[in-house]
Amino acid sequence: MKKRRKLLPLGIKKRTTTELPALVALGAVGQPWFCEQHLTDLMALAMVCQLAAEPGSEVHAAAEALFALLGREELDPSEIAPLVLAVNDWTQRQPNGRIQDAIERLLLVSQQPVVG
């Protein structure tokens, strides 16, 4: 019988040794080295999850709440940590195709011209 390879989340090569950018960013919240890239990693996780998750689902609501908290001037790690962990955990359990589709939809939206 052929051994089946388990699909890993997008961009992850080794499940046990890879740090996900959102988790690294979460650890940086409130630290002097927290930068725009950390915020971007957290926002990207929230936006991709909003697109990949079923509207009205628990994880969709968590992603929306996370994105709203990330828009604040001051980030409170105790508020965002449970949301990041929940959303990140859900994302890791999804097939690569589902996450890739959400990323592609997000990129399409970001490339649309602004009408105004």
N, C-alpha and C. Protein backbone atom coordinates (compact mmCIF):
# COMPACT_ATOMS: atom_id res chain seq x y z
N MET A 1 0.84 -1.18 0.00
CA MET A 1 0.00 0.00 0.00
C MET A 1 0.88 1.24 0.00
N LYS A 2 0.54 2.20 -0.81
CA LYS A 2 1.30 3.44 -0.96
C LYS A 2 1.03 4.37 0.22
N LYS A 3 2.09 4.93 0.78
CA LYS A 3 1.94 5.87 1.90
C LYS A 3 1.47 7.21 1.37
N ARG A 4 0.40 7.73 1.94
CA ARG A 4 -0.15 9.02 1.51
C ARG A 4 0.53 10.15 2.25
N ARG A 5 0.94 11.17 1.50
CA ARG A 5 1.50 12.36 2.13
C ARG A 5 0.37 13.24 2.60
N LYS A 6 0.53 13.78 3.78
CA LYS A 6 -0.47 14.68 4.33
C LYS A 6 -0.25 16.08 3.77
N LEU A 7 -1.31 16.71 3.31
CA LEU A 7 -1.19 18.08 2.81
C LEU A 7 -0.94 19.02 3.99
N LEU A 8 0.01 19.89 3.81
CA LEU A 8 0.33 20.88 4.83
C LEU A 8 -0.20 22.24 4.39
N PRO A 9 -0.40 23.14 5.33
CA PRO A 9 -0.86 24.49 4.97
C PRO A 9 0.08 25.14 3.97
N LEU A 10 -0.45 26.05 3.21
CA LEU A 10 0.28 26.75 2.17
C LEU A 10 1.61 27.28 2.68
N GLY A 11 2.69 26.95 1.99
CA GLY A 11 4.00 27.46 2.34
C GLY A 11 4.70 26.70 3.45
N ILE A 12 4.07 25.70 4.04
CA ILE A 12 4.66 24.97 5.16
C ILE A 12 5.27 23.69 4.62
N LYS A 13 6.55 23.50 4.87
CA LYS A 13 7.24 22.31 4.39
C LYS A 13 7.37 21.25 5.47
N LYS A 14 7.65 21.65 6.70
CA LYS A 14 7.80 20.71 7.80
C LYS A 14 6.91 21.15 8.95
N ARG A 15 5.91 20.37 9.23
CA ARG A 15 4.92 20.73 10.25
C ARG A 15 5.57 20.98 11.61
N THR A 16 6.57 20.20 11.99
CA THR A 16 7.11 20.29 13.35
C THR A 16 8.17 21.38 13.51
N THR A 17 8.73 21.90 12.44
CA THR A 17 9.83 22.86 12.59
C THR A 17 9.53 24.24 12.02
N THR A 18 8.39 24.43 11.42
CA THR A 18 8.11 25.72 10.77
C THR A 18 7.32 26.64 11.68
N GLU A 19 7.82 27.85 11.83
CA GLU A 19 7.08 28.88 12.57
C GLU A 19 6.20 29.63 11.58
N LEU A 20 4.96 29.74 11.88
CA LEU A 20 4.07 30.50 11.02
C LEU A 20 4.23 31.99 11.30
N PRO A 21 4.22 32.81 10.26
CA PRO A 21 4.41 34.26 10.46
C PRO A 21 3.45 34.89 11.46
N ALA A 22 2.20 34.47 11.46
CA ALA A 22 1.23 35.07 12.39
C ALA A 22 1.58 34.76 13.84
N LEU A 23 2.11 33.58 14.11
CA LEU A 23 2.49 33.24 15.48
C LEU A 23 3.73 34.02 15.92
N VAL A 24 4.65 34.22 15.00
CA VAL A 24 5.83 35.05 15.29
C VAL A 24 5.36 36.48 15.57
N ALA A 25 4.45 36.97 14.74
CA ALA A 25 3.92 38.33 14.91
C ALA A 25 3.20 38.46 16.25
N LEU A 26 2.45 37.45 16.62
CA LEU A 26 1.74 37.47 17.90
C LEU A 26 2.73 37.62 19.05
N GLY A 27 3.84 36.92 18.97
CA GLY A 27 4.86 37.02 20.01
C GLY A 27 5.51 38.39 20.07
N ALA A 28 5.46 39.12 18.97
CA ALA A 28 6.08 40.44 18.91
C ALA A 28 5.16 41.55 19.41
N VAL A 29 3.85 41.29 19.48
CA VAL A 29 2.90 42.32 19.92
C VAL A 29 3.28 42.82 21.31
N GLY A 30 3.37 44.13 21.43
CA GLY A 30 3.72 44.74 22.71
C GLY A 30 5.21 44.86 22.95
N GLN A 31 6.01 44.29 22.05
CA GLN A 31 7.46 44.36 22.18
C GLN A 31 8.02 45.52 21.36
N PRO A 32 9.20 46.00 21.71
CA PRO A 32 9.78 47.12 20.96
C PRO A 32 10.08 46.80 19.50
N TRP A 33 10.25 45.53 19.17
CA TRP A 33 10.57 45.15 17.80
C TRP A 33 9.33 44.90 16.93
N PHE A 34 8.15 45.06 17.50
CA PHE A 34 6.92 44.91 16.71
C PHE A 34 6.94 45.93 15.58
N CYS A 35 6.71 45.45 14.36
CA CYS A 35 6.81 46.35 13.20
C CYS A 35 5.60 46.16 12.28
N GLU A 36 5.60 46.93 11.22
CA GLU A 36 4.51 46.91 10.24
C GLU A 36 4.34 45.52 9.62
N GLN A 37 5.45 44.81 9.40
CA GLN A 37 5.37 43.47 8.82
C GLN A 37 4.63 42.51 9.73
N HIS A 38 4.82 42.63 11.04
CA HIS A 38 4.09 41.78 11.98
C HIS A 38 2.59 42.05 11.88
N LEU A 39 2.23 43.34 11.85
CA LEU A 39 0.82 43.70 11.73
C LEU A 39 0.25 43.18 10.41
N THR A 40 1.01 43.31 9.35
CA THR A 40 0.57 42.82 8.04
C THR A 40 0.35 41.30 8.06
N ASP A 41 1.23 40.56 8.70
CA ASP A 41 1.07 39.11 8.80
C ASP A 41 -0.22 38.74 9.54
N LEU A 42 -0.50 39.46 10.61
CA LEU A 42 -1.72 39.19 11.38
C LEU A 42 -2.96 39.55 10.57
N MET A 43 -2.91 40.69 9.88
CA MET A 43 -4.06 41.11 9.07
C MET A 43 -4.30 40.15 7.91
N ALA A 44 -3.22 39.68 7.30
CA ALA A 44 -3.36 38.74 6.19
C ALA A 44 -4.03 37.46 6.66
N LEU A 45 -3.63 36.96 7.81
CA LEU A 45 -4.26 35.76 8.37
C LEU A 45 -5.76 36.00 8.56
N ALA A 46 -6.12 37.14 9.14
CA ALA A 46 -7.53 37.44 9.40
C ALA A 46 -8.32 37.55 8.09
N MET A 47 -7.76 38.23 7.09
CA MET A 47 -8.49 38.42 5.83
C MET A 47 -8.64 37.12 5.06
N VAL A 48 -7.59 36.33 4.99
CA VAL A 48 -7.66 35.05 4.28
C VAL A 48 -8.68 34.13 4.96
N CYS A 49 -8.66 34.12 6.27
CA CYS A 49 -9.60 33.27 7.00
C CYS A 49 -11.04 33.73 6.79
N GLN A 50 -11.26 35.04 6.72
CA GLN A 50 -12.62 35.54 6.46
C GLN A 50 -13.13 35.05 5.12
N LEU A 51 -12.23 35.00 4.13
CA LEU A 51 -12.64 34.55 2.80
C LEU A 51 -12.79 33.04 2.72
N ALA A 52 -11.96 32.30 3.46
CA ALA A 52 -11.98 30.84 3.38
C ALA A 52 -13.07 30.22 4.24
N ALA A 53 -13.40 30.87 5.34
CA ALA A 53 -14.38 30.30 6.27
C ALA A 53 -15.81 30.57 5.81
N GLU A 54 -16.69 29.72 6.22
CA GLU A 54 -18.11 29.87 5.92
C GLU A 54 -18.66 31.09 6.66
N PRO A 55 -19.29 32.03 5.94
CA PRO A 55 -19.88 33.20 6.63
C PRO A 55 -20.85 32.73 7.72
N GLY A 56 -20.75 33.37 8.86
CA GLY A 56 -21.59 33.02 9.99
C GLY A 56 -21.00 31.96 10.89
N SER A 57 -19.91 31.34 10.45
CA SER A 57 -19.28 30.31 11.28
C SER A 57 -18.50 30.96 12.42
N GLU A 58 -18.17 30.14 13.39
CA GLU A 58 -17.42 30.62 14.55
C GLU A 58 -16.06 31.18 14.14
N VAL A 59 -15.38 30.48 13.24
CA VAL A 59 -14.04 30.93 12.83
C VAL A 59 -14.13 32.20 11.98
N HIS A 60 -15.19 32.34 11.20
CA HIS A 60 -15.39 33.57 10.42
C HIS A 60 -15.57 34.76 11.36
N ALA A 61 -16.36 34.57 12.39
CA ALA A 61 -16.58 35.63 13.38
C ALA A 61 -15.28 35.97 14.11
N ALA A 62 -14.48 34.95 14.42
CA ALA A 62 -13.20 35.19 15.10
C ALA A 62 -12.26 35.98 14.19
N ALA A 63 -12.24 35.66 12.91
CA ALA A 63 -11.39 36.38 11.96
C ALA A 63 -11.83 37.84 11.82
N GLU A 64 -13.14 38.07 11.79
CA GLU A 64 -13.66 39.44 11.72
C GLU A 64 -13.28 40.22 12.98
N ALA A 65 -13.44 39.60 14.13
CA ALA A 65 -13.10 40.25 15.40
C ALA A 65 -11.61 40.56 15.46
N LEU A 66 -10.79 39.62 15.00
CA LEU A 66 -9.34 39.84 14.98
C LEU A 66 -8.99 41.02 14.10
N PHE A 67 -9.57 41.07 12.91
CA PHE A 67 -9.27 42.17 11.99
C PHE A 67 -9.67 43.51 12.60
N ALA A 68 -10.80 43.55 13.27
CA ALA A 68 -11.25 44.79 13.92
C ALA A 68 -10.28 45.21 15.02
N LEU A 69 -9.82 44.26 15.82
CA LEU A 69 -8.87 44.59 16.89
C LEU A 69 -7.54 45.06 16.34
N LEU A 70 -7.13 44.54 15.20
CA LEU A 70 -5.86 44.93 14.60
C LEU A 70 -5.89 46.35 14.05
N GLY A 71 -7.07 46.92 13.91
CA GLY A 71 -7.21 48.29 13.43
C GLY A 71 -7.06 49.34 14.53
N ARG A 72 -6.93 48.90 15.75
CA ARG A 72 -6.78 49.83 16.87
C ARG A 72 -5.37 50.39 16.94
N GLU A 73 -5.27 51.55 17.57
CA GLU A 73 -3.97 52.20 17.77
C GLU A 73 -3.07 51.33 18.65
N GLU A 74 -3.61 50.84 19.76
CA GLU A 74 -2.85 50.00 20.69
C GLU A 74 -3.39 48.57 20.60
N LEU A 75 -2.47 47.62 20.44
CA LEU A 75 -2.88 46.22 20.38
C LEU A 75 -2.69 45.58 21.75
N ASP A 76 -3.71 44.88 22.19
CA ASP A 76 -3.66 44.18 23.48
C ASP A 76 -3.46 42.69 23.20
N PRO A 77 -2.26 42.17 23.53
CA PRO A 77 -2.00 40.76 23.24
C PRO A 77 -3.00 39.80 23.89
N SER A 78 -3.50 40.15 25.05
CA SER A 78 -4.45 39.25 25.71
C SER A 78 -5.79 39.19 24.97
N GLU A 79 -6.12 40.23 24.22
CA GLU A 79 -7.36 40.23 23.43
C GLU A 79 -7.18 39.50 22.11
N ILE A 80 -6.03 39.73 21.46
CA ILE A 80 -5.88 39.16 20.12
C ILE A 80 -5.32 37.74 20.13
N ALA A 81 -4.60 37.35 21.17
CA ALA A 81 -3.97 36.02 21.20
C ALA A 81 -4.97 34.88 21.00
N PRO A 82 -6.10 34.85 21.74
CA PRO A 82 -7.03 33.72 21.53
C PRO A 82 -7.60 33.68 20.12
N LEU A 83 -7.79 34.85 19.53
CA LEU A 83 -8.33 34.90 18.17
C LEU A 83 -7.30 34.44 17.16
N VAL A 84 -6.05 34.90 17.31
CA VAL A 84 -4.99 34.47 16.40
C VAL A 84 -4.80 32.96 16.48
N LEU A 85 -4.77 32.43 17.69
CA LEU A 85 -4.57 30.99 17.85
C LEU A 85 -5.72 30.19 17.25
N ALA A 86 -6.94 30.64 17.46
CA ALA A 86 -8.10 29.92 16.91
C ALA A 86 -8.11 29.97 15.38
N VAL A 87 -7.90 31.15 14.84
CA VAL A 87 -7.92 31.32 13.38
C VAL A 87 -6.75 30.57 12.74
N ASN A 88 -5.58 30.67 13.34
CA ASN A 88 -4.40 30.00 12.81
C ASN A 88 -4.57 28.48 12.85
N ASP A 89 -5.10 27.98 13.94
CA ASP A 89 -5.33 26.54 14.07
C ASP A 89 -6.30 26.05 13.00
N TRP A 90 -7.38 26.79 12.79
CA TRP A 90 -8.35 26.42 11.77
C TRP A 90 -7.71 26.42 10.39
N THR A 91 -6.93 27.47 10.11
CA THR A 91 -6.28 27.59 8.81
C THR A 91 -5.34 26.43 8.54
N GLN A 92 -4.61 26.00 9.55
CA GLN A 92 -3.67 24.89 9.39
C GLN A 92 -4.37 23.58 9.05
N ARG A 93 -5.61 23.45 9.46
CA ARG A 93 -6.35 22.21 9.21
C ARG A 93 -7.09 22.20 7.87
N GLN A 94 -7.01 23.29 7.12
CA GLN A 94 -7.72 23.38 5.85
C GLN A 94 -6.85 22.86 4.70
N PRO A 95 -7.49 22.34 3.66
CA PRO A 95 -6.73 21.91 2.48
C PRO A 95 -6.04 23.12 1.82
N ASN A 96 -4.87 22.87 1.25
CA ASN A 96 -4.13 23.95 0.59
C ASN A 96 -4.99 24.68 -0.44
N GLY A 97 -5.78 23.95 -1.19
CA GLY A 97 -6.59 24.56 -2.24
C GLY A 97 -7.57 25.59 -1.70
N ARG A 98 -8.16 25.31 -0.57
CA ARG A 98 -9.13 26.24 0.03
C ARG A 98 -8.44 27.55 0.43
N ILE A 99 -7.27 27.43 1.02
CA ILE A 99 -6.54 28.62 1.45
C ILE A 99 -5.99 29.36 0.24
N GLN A 100 -5.48 28.62 -0.74
CA GLN A 100 -4.96 29.26 -1.96
C GLN A 100 -6.06 30.02 -2.68
N ASP A 101 -7.26 29.46 -2.75
CA ASP A 101 -8.39 30.14 -3.37
C ASP A 101 -8.69 31.45 -2.64
N ALA A 102 -8.67 31.43 -1.32
CA ALA A 102 -8.94 32.65 -0.55
C ALA A 102 -7.85 33.69 -0.80
N ILE A 103 -6.60 33.25 -0.88
CA ILE A 103 -5.50 34.18 -1.16
C ILE A 103 -5.67 34.81 -2.53
N GLU A 104 -6.01 33.99 -3.51
CA GLU A 104 -6.20 34.51 -4.87
C GLU A 104 -7.36 35.50 -4.94
N ARG A 105 -8.44 35.20 -4.24
CA ARG A 105 -9.58 36.14 -4.21
C ARG A 105 -9.18 37.45 -3.54
N LEU A 106 -8.41 37.36 -2.48
CA LEU A 106 -7.94 38.55 -1.78
C LEU A 106 -7.03 39.38 -2.68
N LEU A 107 -6.15 38.72 -3.43
CA LEU A 107 -5.27 39.44 -4.35
C LEU A 107 -6.06 40.10 -5.47
N LEU A 108 -7.09 39.43 -5.96
CA LEU A 108 -7.92 40.03 -7.01
C LEU A 108 -8.61 41.30 -6.52
N VAL A 109 -9.13 41.25 -5.30
CA VAL A 109 -9.80 42.41 -4.73
C VAL A 109 -8.81 43.55 -4.55
N SER A 110 -7.59 43.24 -4.11
CA SER A 110 -6.60 44.29 -3.86
C SER A 110 -6.10 44.92 -5.16
N GLN A 111 -6.29 44.25 -6.28
CA GLN A 111 -5.83 44.78 -7.57
C GLN A 111 -6.91 45.57 -8.30
N GLN A 112 -8.11 45.60 -7.76
CA GLN A 112 -9.21 46.32 -8.41
C GLN A 112 -8.95 47.82 -8.29
N PRO A 113 -9.20 48.57 -9.36
CA PRO A 113 -9.00 50.03 -9.28
C PRO A 113 -10.01 50.66 -8.32
N VAL A 114 -9.56 51.66 -7.64
CA VAL A 114 -10.42 52.39 -6.72
C VAL A 114 -11.25 53.38 -7.52
N VAL A 115 -12.56 53.31 -7.36
CA VAL A 115 -13.47 54.20 -8.07
C VAL A 115 -13.93 55.25 -7.08
N GLY A 116 -13.82 56.47 -7.44
CA GLY A 116 -14.25 57.46 -6.47
C GLY A 116 -14.28 58.78 -7.02
